[in-house]
Structures are given as C-alpha cells and as structure tokens.
Amino acid sequence: METEWTEESIQRITAESATVKQWVRQLTADNRTLDERLKAARSNVRFQDRRPHTCHVVAAGDDAGGERPEPSPQQGSSA
C-alpha cells in the first residue's frame, strides 16, 4: 500500500516528532534527578539507621553515670 504524503502531513509529523523527542529528553532528565534523590535518601536512611544506636548508648551513659549538673543562675547573666 503506497501513501502519498502531503506537505502539511510531513510538517505535522515532523513537529510531533520534535515534541516527542523533547518529552523524552525532559523525562530522562527528570528520571536522572529522581534517581539521584532516591540514592541520597537511601544513604541518609542507612546513616540514620546506624545513628540512633550511638545516640542511645550516649544517652544511657548519661543516665547510668549519675545526674547532670544543673546550670547555675549566674552562668547566663553578665551583671
């Protein structure tokens, strides 16, 4: 089946092709950005997963070792 293309059809298809190529470029860039954000979020979660254990040990050490000294009223004043 042979089809004769009109100038108008060729221009429309060319314009649509350019639009689709631009969408692909934008989606590729968006995907790259989201992938980087996902990697950063995963890294943060791994870091935070380790951190509460350390904080818990420090906090337990404070409670087990005795009371913290109360700040004296004179420390905050310059008079």
PDB file of N, CA and C in Angstrom:
ATOM      1  N   MET A   1       0.845  -1.181   0.000  1.00  0.00           N
ATOM      2  CA  MET A   1       0.000   0.000   0.000  1.00  0.00           C
ATOM      3  C   MET A   1       0.890   1.244   0.000  1.00  0.00           C
ATOM      4  N   GLU A   2       0.776   2.037  -1.017  1.00  0.00           N
ATOM      5  CA  GLU A   2       1.548   3.264  -1.132  1.00  0.00           C
ATOM      6  C   GLU A   2       0.682   4.450  -0.740  1.00  0.00           C
ATOM      7  N   THR A   3       1.276   5.342   0.073  1.00  0.00           N
ATOM      8  CA  THR A   3       0.559   6.534   0.507  1.00  0.00           C
ATOM      9  C   THR A   3       1.361   7.752   0.103  1.00  0.00           C
ATOM     10  N   GLU A   4       0.694   8.701  -0.438  1.00  0.00           N
ATOM     11  CA  GLU A   4       1.361   9.937  -0.800  1.00  0.00           C
ATOM     12  C   GLU A   4       1.220  10.913   0.356  1.00  0.00           C
ATOM     13  N   TRP A   5       2.330  11.453   0.813  1.00  0.00           N
ATOM     14  CA  TRP A   5       2.333  12.368   1.947  1.00  0.00           C
ATOM     15  C   TRP A   5       2.194  13.799   1.434  1.00  0.00           C
ATOM     16  N   THR A   6       1.318  14.528   2.080  1.00  0.00           N
ATOM     17  CA  THR A   6       1.180  15.938   1.727  1.00  0.00           C
ATOM     18  C   THR A   6       2.209  16.730   2.525  1.00  0.00           C
ATOM     19  N   GLU A   7       2.495  17.903   2.074  1.00  0.00           N
ATOM     20  CA  GLU A   7       3.438  18.785   2.781  1.00  0.00           C
ATOM     21  C   GLU A   7       2.938  19.061   4.192  1.00  0.00           C
ATOM     22  N   GLU A   8       1.634  19.246   4.334  1.00  0.00           N
ATOM     23  CA  GLU A   8       1.037  19.504   5.645  1.00  0.00           C
ATOM     24  C   GLU A   8       1.240  18.311   6.583  1.00  0.00           C
ATOM     25  N   SER A   9       1.060  17.085   6.084  1.00  0.00           N
ATOM     26  CA  SER A   9       1.250  15.883   6.899  1.00  0.00           C
ATOM     27  C   SER A   9       2.704  15.748   7.335  1.00  0.00           C
ATOM     28  N   ILE A  10       3.608  16.022   6.437  1.00  0.00           N
ATOM     29  CA  ILE A  10       5.034  15.927   6.745  1.00  0.00           C
ATOM     30  C   ILE A  10       5.404  16.938   7.829  1.00  0.00           C
ATOM     31  N   GLN A  11       4.908  18.166   7.716  1.00  0.00           N
ATOM     32  CA  GLN A  11       5.201  19.193   8.718  1.00  0.00           C
ATOM     33  C   GLN A  11       4.610  18.823  10.072  1.00  0.00           C
ATOM     34  N   ARG A  12       3.378  18.295  10.071  1.00  0.00           N
ATOM     35  CA  ARG A  12       2.736  17.907  11.330  1.00  0.00           C
ATOM     36  C   ARG A  12       3.508  16.771  11.999  1.00  0.00           C
ATOM     37  N   ILE A  13       3.875  15.777  11.251  1.00  0.00           N
ATOM     38  CA  ILE A  13       4.609  14.635  11.806  1.00  0.00           C
ATOM     39  C   ILE A  13       5.988  15.073  12.297  1.00  0.00           C
ATOM     40  N   THR A  14       6.638  15.959  11.568  1.00  0.00           N
ATOM     41  CA  THR A  14       7.941  16.472  11.984  1.00  0.00           C
ATOM     42  C   THR A  14       7.822  17.239  13.301  1.00  0.00           C
ATOM     43  N   ALA A  15       6.784  18.063  13.415  1.00  0.00           N
ATOM     44  CA  ALA A  15       6.566  18.825  14.650  1.00  0.00           C
ATOM     45  C   ALA A  15       6.261  17.885  15.815  1.00  0.00           C
ATOM     46  N   GLU A  16       5.420  16.882  15.584  1.00  0.00           N
ATOM     47  CA  GLU A  16       5.098  15.922  16.642  1.00  0.00           C
ATOM     48  C   GLU A  16       6.337  15.133  17.058  1.00  0.00           C
ATOM     49  N   SER A  17       7.158  14.790  16.098  1.00  0.00           N
ATOM     50  CA  SER A  17       8.389  14.067  16.396  1.00  0.00           C
ATOM     51  C   SER A  17       9.317  14.906  17.270  1.00  0.00           C
ATOM     52  N   ALA A  18       9.426  16.183  16.951  1.00  0.00           N
ATOM     53  CA  ALA A  18      10.264  17.080  17.751  1.00  0.00           C
ATOM     54  C   ALA A  18       9.704  17.201  19.170  1.00  0.00           C
ATOM     55  N   THR A  19       8.376  17.257  19.297  1.00  0.00           N
ATOM     56  CA  THR A  19       7.744  17.347  20.609  1.00  0.00           C
ATOM     57  C   THR A  19       8.026  16.086  21.422  1.00  0.00           C
ATOM     58  N   VAL A  20       7.888  14.930  20.781  1.00  0.00           N
ATOM     59  CA  VAL A  20       8.146  13.661  21.473  1.00  0.00           C
ATOM     60  C   VAL A  20       9.614  13.571  21.896  1.00  0.00           C
ATOM     61  N   LYS A  21      10.519  14.006  21.061  1.00  0.00           N
ATOM     62  CA  LYS A  21      11.950  13.988  21.422  1.00  0.00           C
ATOM     63  C   LYS A  21      12.210  14.883  22.623  1.00  0.00           C
ATOM     64  N   GLN A  22      11.539  16.047  22.673  1.00  0.00           N
ATOM     65  CA  GLN A  22      11.701  16.954  23.815  1.00  0.00           C
ATOM     66  C   GLN A  22      11.155  16.308  25.080  1.00  0.00           C
ATOM     67  N   TRP A  23      10.015  15.628  24.985  1.00  0.00           N
ATOM     68  CA  TRP A  23       9.452  14.916  26.140  1.00  0.00           C
ATOM     69  C   TRP A  23      10.421  13.858  26.639  1.00  0.00           C
ATOM     70  N   VAL A  24      11.017  13.135  25.721  1.00  0.00           N
ATOM     71  CA  VAL A  24      11.970  12.087  26.099  1.00  0.00           C
ATOM     72  C   VAL A  24      13.158  12.700  26.826  1.00  0.00           C
ATOM     73  N   ARG A  25      13.683  13.807  26.304  1.00  0.00           N
ATOM     74  CA  ARG A  25      14.810  14.476  26.967  1.00  0.00           C
ATOM     75  C   ARG A  25      14.425  14.938  28.367  1.00  0.00           C
ATOM     76  N   GLN A  26      13.228  15.533  28.504  1.00  0.00           N
ATOM     77  CA  GLN A  26      12.779  16.027  29.800  1.00  0.00           C
ATOM     78  C   GLN A  26      12.561  14.870  30.775  1.00  0.00           C
ATOM     79  N   LEU A  27      11.927  13.810  30.309  1.00  0.00           N
ATOM     80  CA  LEU A  27      11.692  12.657  31.181  1.00  0.00           C
ATOM     81  C   LEU A  27      13.001  11.987  31.590  1.00  0.00           C
ATOM     82  N   THR A  28      13.949  11.941  30.687  1.00  0.00           N
ATOM     83  CA  THR A  28      15.258  11.375  31.007  1.00  0.00           C
ATOM     84  C   THR A  28      15.944  12.211  32.083  1.00  0.00           C
ATOM     85  N   ALA A  29      15.891  13.530  31.949  1.00  0.00           N
ATOM     86  CA  ALA A  29      16.487  14.417  32.952  1.00  0.00           C
ATOM     87  C   ALA A  29      15.760  14.281  34.291  1.00  0.00           C
ATOM     88  N   ASP A  30      14.430  14.237  34.256  1.00  0.00           N
ATOM     89  CA  ASP A  30      13.655  14.072  35.490  1.00  0.00           C
ATOM     90  C   ASP A  30      13.979  12.747  36.162  1.00  0.00           C
ATOM     91  N   ASN A  31      14.095  11.698  35.355  1.00  0.00           N
ATOM     92  CA  ASN A  31      14.418  10.377  35.891  1.00  0.00           C
ATOM     93  C   ASN A  31      15.796  10.382  36.554  1.00  0.00           C
ATOM     94  N   ARG A  32      16.745  11.044  35.927  1.00  0.00           N
ATOM     95  CA  ARG A  32      18.096  11.137  36.488  1.00  0.00           C
ATOM     96  C   ARG A  32      18.061  11.875  37.828  1.00  0.00           C
ATOM     97  N   THR A  33      17.325  12.980  37.874  1.00  0.00           N
ATOM     98  CA  THR A  33      17.203  13.762  39.107  1.00  0.00           C
ATOM     99  C   THR A  33      16.560  12.935  40.215  1.00  0.00           C
ATOM    100  N   LEU A  34      15.472  12.256  39.887  1.00  0.00           N
ATOM    101  CA  LEU A  34      14.788  11.433  40.890  1.00  0.00           C
ATOM    102  C   LEU A  34      15.669  10.276  41.353  1.00  0.00           C
ATOM    103  N   ASP A  35      16.438   9.707  40.443  1.00  0.00           N
ATOM    104  CA  ASP A  35      17.342   8.622  40.810  1.00  0.00           C
ATOM    105  C   ASP A  35      18.409   9.117  41.789  1.00  0.00           C
ATOM    106  N   GLU A  36      18.945  10.308  41.538  1.00  0.00           N
ATOM    107  CA  GLU A  36      19.935  10.884  42.451  1.00  0.00           C
ATOM    108  C   GLU A  36      19.317  11.171  43.815  1.00  0.00           C
ATOM    109  N   ARG A  37      18.091  11.688  43.828  1.00  0.00           N
ATOM    110  CA  ARG A  37      17.412  11.962  45.100  1.00  0.00           C
ATOM    111  C   ARG A  37      17.128  10.673  45.864  1.00  0.00           C
ATOM    112  N   LEU A  38      16.747   9.621  45.136  1.00  0.00           N
ATOM    113  CA  LEU A  38      16.487   8.329  45.768  1.00  0.00           C
ATOM    114  C   LEU A  38      17.767   7.760  46.378  1.00  0.00           C
ATOM    115  N   LYS A  39      18.867   7.853  45.654  1.00  0.00           N
ATOM    116  CA  LYS A  39      20.149   7.370  46.188  1.00  0.00           C
ATOM    117  C   LYS A  39      20.544   8.150  47.444  1.00  0.00           C
ATOM    118  N   ALA A  40      20.345   9.459  47.417  1.00  0.00           N
ATOM    119  CA  ALA A  40      20.669  10.279  48.585  1.00  0.00           C
ATOM    120  C   ALA A  40      19.767   9.921  49.770  1.00  0.00           C
ATOM    121  N   ALA A  41      18.489   9.714  49.508  1.00  0.00           N
ATOM    122  CA  ALA A  41      17.558   9.345  50.583  1.00  0.00           C
ATOM    123  C   ALA A  41      17.932   7.998  51.187  1.00  0.00           C
ATOM    124  N   ARG A  42      18.289   7.040  50.340  1.00  0.00           N
ATOM    125  CA  ARG A  42      18.698   5.727  50.845  1.00  0.00           C
ATOM    126  C   ARG A  42      19.963   5.837  51.689  1.00  0.00           C
ATOM    127  N   SER A  43      20.893   6.676  51.252  1.00  0.00           N
ATOM    128  CA  SER A  43      22.117   6.882  52.008  1.00  0.00           C
ATOM    129  C   SER A  43      21.806   7.502  53.366  1.00  0.00           C
ATOM    130  N   ASN A  44      20.903   8.478  53.380  1.00  0.00           N
ATOM    131  CA  ASN A  44      20.510   9.120  54.639  1.00  0.00           C
ATOM    132  C   ASN A  44      19.858   8.127  55.582  1.00  0.00           C
ATOM    133  N   VAL A  45      19.024   7.254  55.045  1.00  0.00           N
ATOM    134  CA  VAL A  45      18.352   6.264  55.886  1.00  0.00           C
ATOM    135  C   VAL A  45      19.376   5.313  56.484  1.00  0.00           C
ATOM    136  N   ARG A  46      20.330   4.872  55.673  1.00  0.00           N
ATOM    137  CA  ARG A  46      21.374   3.979  56.199  1.00  0.00           C
ATOM    138  C   ARG A  46      22.165   4.672  57.305  1.00  0.00           C
ATOM    139  N   PHE A  47      22.469   5.949  57.119  1.00  0.00           N
ATOM    140  CA  PHE A  47      23.195   6.699  58.138  1.00  0.00           C
ATOM    141  C   PHE A  47      22.359   6.827  59.403  1.00  0.00           C
ATOM    142  N   GLN A  48      21.071   7.144  59.253  1.00  0.00           N
ATOM    143  CA  GLN A  48      20.192   7.304  60.409  1.00  0.00           C
ATOM    144  C   GLN A  48      19.943   5.975  61.110  1.00  0.00           C
ATOM    145  N   ASP A  49      19.946   4.873  60.361  1.00  0.00           N
ATOM    146  CA  ASP A  49      19.772   3.559  60.980  1.00  0.00           C
ATOM    147  C   ASP A  49      20.918   3.267  61.946  1.00  0.00           C
ATOM    148  N   ARG A  50      22.098   3.716  61.623  1.00  0.00           N
ATOM    149  CA  ARG A  50      23.252   3.492  62.496  1.00  0.00           C
ATOM    150  C   ARG A  50      23.285   4.492  63.647  1.00  0.00           C
ATOM    151  N   ARG A  51      22.829   5.689  63.405  1.00  0.00           N
ATOM    152  CA  ARG A  51      22.973   6.758  64.377  1.00  0.00           C
ATOM    153  C   ARG A  51      22.161   6.585  65.657  1.00  0.00           C
ATOM    154  N   PRO A  52      20.899   6.138  65.623  1.00  0.00           N
ATOM    155  CA  PRO A  52      20.142   6.029  66.880  1.00  0.00           C
ATOM    156  C   PRO A  52      20.809   5.111  67.900  1.00  0.00           C
ATOM    157  N   HIS A  53      21.492   4.085  67.436  1.00  0.00           N
ATOM    158  CA  HIS A  53      22.169   3.191  68.365  1.00  0.00           C
ATOM    159  C   HIS A  53      23.267   3.948  69.115  1.00  0.00           C
ATOM    160  N   THR A  54      23.992   4.778  68.412  1.00  0.00           N
ATOM    161  CA  THR A  54      25.056   5.562  69.028  1.00  0.00           C
ATOM    162  C   THR A  54      24.470   6.564  70.018  1.00  0.00           C
ATOM    163  N   CYS A  55      23.411   7.247  69.611  1.00  0.00           N
ATOM    164  CA  CYS A  55      22.776   8.223  70.498  1.00  0.00           C
ATOM    165  C   CYS A  55      22.197   7.537  71.726  1.00  0.00           C
ATOM    166  N   HIS A  56      21.634   6.363  71.547  1.00  0.00           N
ATOM    167  CA  HIS A  56      21.044   5.628  72.657  1.00  0.00           C
ATOM    168  C   HIS A  56      22.118   5.252  73.674  1.00  0.00           C
ATOM    169  N   VAL A  57      23.271   4.841  73.177  1.00  0.00           N
ATOM    170  CA  VAL A  57      24.362   4.468  74.077  1.00  0.00           C
ATOM    171  C   VAL A  57      24.837   5.689  74.851  1.00  0.00           C
ATOM    172  N   VAL A  58      24.978   6.818  74.204  1.00  0.00           N
ATOM    173  CA  VAL A  58      25.414   8.048  74.871  1.00  0.00           C
ATOM    174  C   VAL A  58      24.373   8.459  75.901  1.00  0.00           C
ATOM    175  N   ALA A  59      23.091   8.417  75.530  1.00  0.00           N
ATOM    176  CA  ALA A  59      22.033   8.810  76.460  1.00  0.00           C
ATOM    177  C   ALA A  59      21.986   7.855  77.644  1.00  0.00           C
ATOM    178  N   ALA A  60      22.156   6.569  77.414  1.00  0.00           N
ATOM    179  CA  ALA A  60      22.152   5.600  78.505  1.00  0.00           C
ATOM    180  C   ALA A  60      23.351   5.839  79.411  1.00  0.00           C
ATOM    181  N   GLY A  61      24.467   6.229  78.829  1.00  0.00           N
ATOM    182  CA  GLY A  61      25.662   6.508  79.620  1.00  0.00           C
ATOM    183  C   GLY A  61      25.450   7.695  80.540  1.00  0.00           C
ATOM    184  N   ASP A  62      24.720   8.708  80.081  1.00  0.00           N
ATOM    185  CA  ASP A  62      24.428   9.874  80.921  1.00  0.00           C
ATOM    186  C   ASP A  62      23.554   9.486  82.098  1.00  0.00           C
ATOM    187  N   ASP A  63      22.516   8.695  81.833  1.00  0.00           N
ATOM    188  CA  ASP A  63      21.594   8.297  82.896  1.00  0.00           C
ATOM    189  C   ASP A  63      22.263   7.347  83.885  1.00  0.00           C
ATOM    190  N   ALA A  64      23.086   6.438  83.405  1.00  0.00           N
ATOM    191  CA  ALA A  64      23.698   5.433  84.261  1.00  0.00           C
ATOM    192  C   ALA A  64      24.815   6.034  85.112  1.00  0.00           C
ATOM    193  N   GLY A  65      25.434   7.078  84.641  1.00  0.00           N
ATOM    194  CA  GLY A  65      26.589   7.637  85.331  1.00  0.00           C
ATOM    195  C   GLY A  65      26.232   8.638  86.407  1.00  0.00           C
ATOM    196  N   GLY A  66      25.004   8.973  86.566  1.00  0.00           N
ATOM    197  CA  GLY A  66      24.618   9.947  87.592  1.00  0.00           C
ATOM    198  C   GLY A  66      23.864  11.092  86.995  1.00  0.00           C
ATOM    199  N   GLU A  67      23.605  12.077  87.827  1.00  0.00           N
ATOM    200  CA  GLU A  67      22.812  13.216  87.391  1.00  0.00           C
ATOM    201  C   GLU A  67      23.695  14.234  86.689  1.00  0.00           C
ATOM    202  N   ARG A  68      23.072  14.971  85.812  1.00  0.00           N
ATOM    203  CA  ARG A  68      23.785  16.076  85.160  1.00  0.00           C
ATOM    204  C   ARG A  68      23.764  17.262  86.099  1.00  0.00           C
ATOM    205  N   PRO A  69      24.812  18.030  86.115  1.00  0.00           N
ATOM    206  CA  PRO A  69      24.796  19.227  86.963  1.00  0.00           C
ATOM    207  C   PRO A  69      23.822  20.263  86.395  1.00  0.00           C
ATOM    208  N   GLU A  70      23.098  20.900  87.264  1.00  0.00           N
ATOM    209  CA  GLU A  70      22.190  21.970  86.861  1.00  0.00           C
ATOM    210  C   GLU A  70      23.006  23.225  86.581  1.00  0.00           C
ATOM    211  N   PRO A  71      22.665  23.973  85.527  1.00  0.00           N
ATOM    212  CA  PRO A  71      23.391  25.217  85.270  1.00  0.00           C
ATOM    213  C   PRO A  71      23.121  26.201  86.404  1.00  0.00           C
ATOM    214  N   SER A  72      24.154  26.916  86.810  1.00  0.00           N
ATOM    215  CA  SER A  72      23.974  27.879  87.884  1.00  0.00           C
ATOM    216  C   SER A  72      23.287  29.120  87.350  1.00  0.00           C
ATOM    217  N   PRO A  73      22.536  29.824  88.146  1.00  0.00           N
ATOM    218  CA  PRO A  73      21.833  31.032  87.680  1.00  0.00           C
ATOM    219  C   PRO A  73      22.792  32.114  87.218  1.00  0.00           C
ATOM    220  N   GLN A  74      24.020  32.115  87.676  1.00  0.00           N
ATOM    221  CA  GLN A  74      24.959  33.161  87.336  1.00  0.00           C
ATOM    222  C   GLN A  74      25.585  32.943  85.967  1.00  0.00           C
ATOM    223  N   GLN A  75      25.517  31.741  85.396  1.00  0.00           N
ATOM    224  CA  GLN A  75      26.160  31.470  84.107  1.00  0.00           C
ATOM    225  C   GLN A  75      25.543  32.285  82.983  1.00  0.00           C
ATOM    226  N   GLY A  76      24.251  32.522  83.014  1.00  0.00           N
ATOM    227  CA  GLY A  76      23.588  33.223  81.912  1.00  0.00           C
ATOM    228  C   GLY A  76      23.649  34.728  82.032  1.00  0.00           C
ATOM    229  N   SER A  77      23.963  35.286  83.196  1.00  0.00           N
ATOM    230  CA  SER A  77      23.923  36.737  83.360  1.00  0.00           C
ATOM    231  C   SER A  77      25.326  37.323  83.262  1.00  0.00           C
ATOM    232  N   SER A  78      25.389  38.547  82.761  1.00  0.00           N
ATOM    233  CA  SER A  78      26.692  39.215  82.619  1.00  0.00           C
ATOM    234  C   SER A  78      26.829  40.343  83.631  1.00  0.00           C
ATOM    235  N   ALA A  79      25.893  40.489  84.562  1.00  0.00           N
ATOM    236  CA  ALA A  79      25.923  41.610  85.507  1.00  0.00           C
ATOM    237  C   ALA A  79      26.768  41.337  86.691  1.00  0.00           C
TER     238      ALA A  79
END
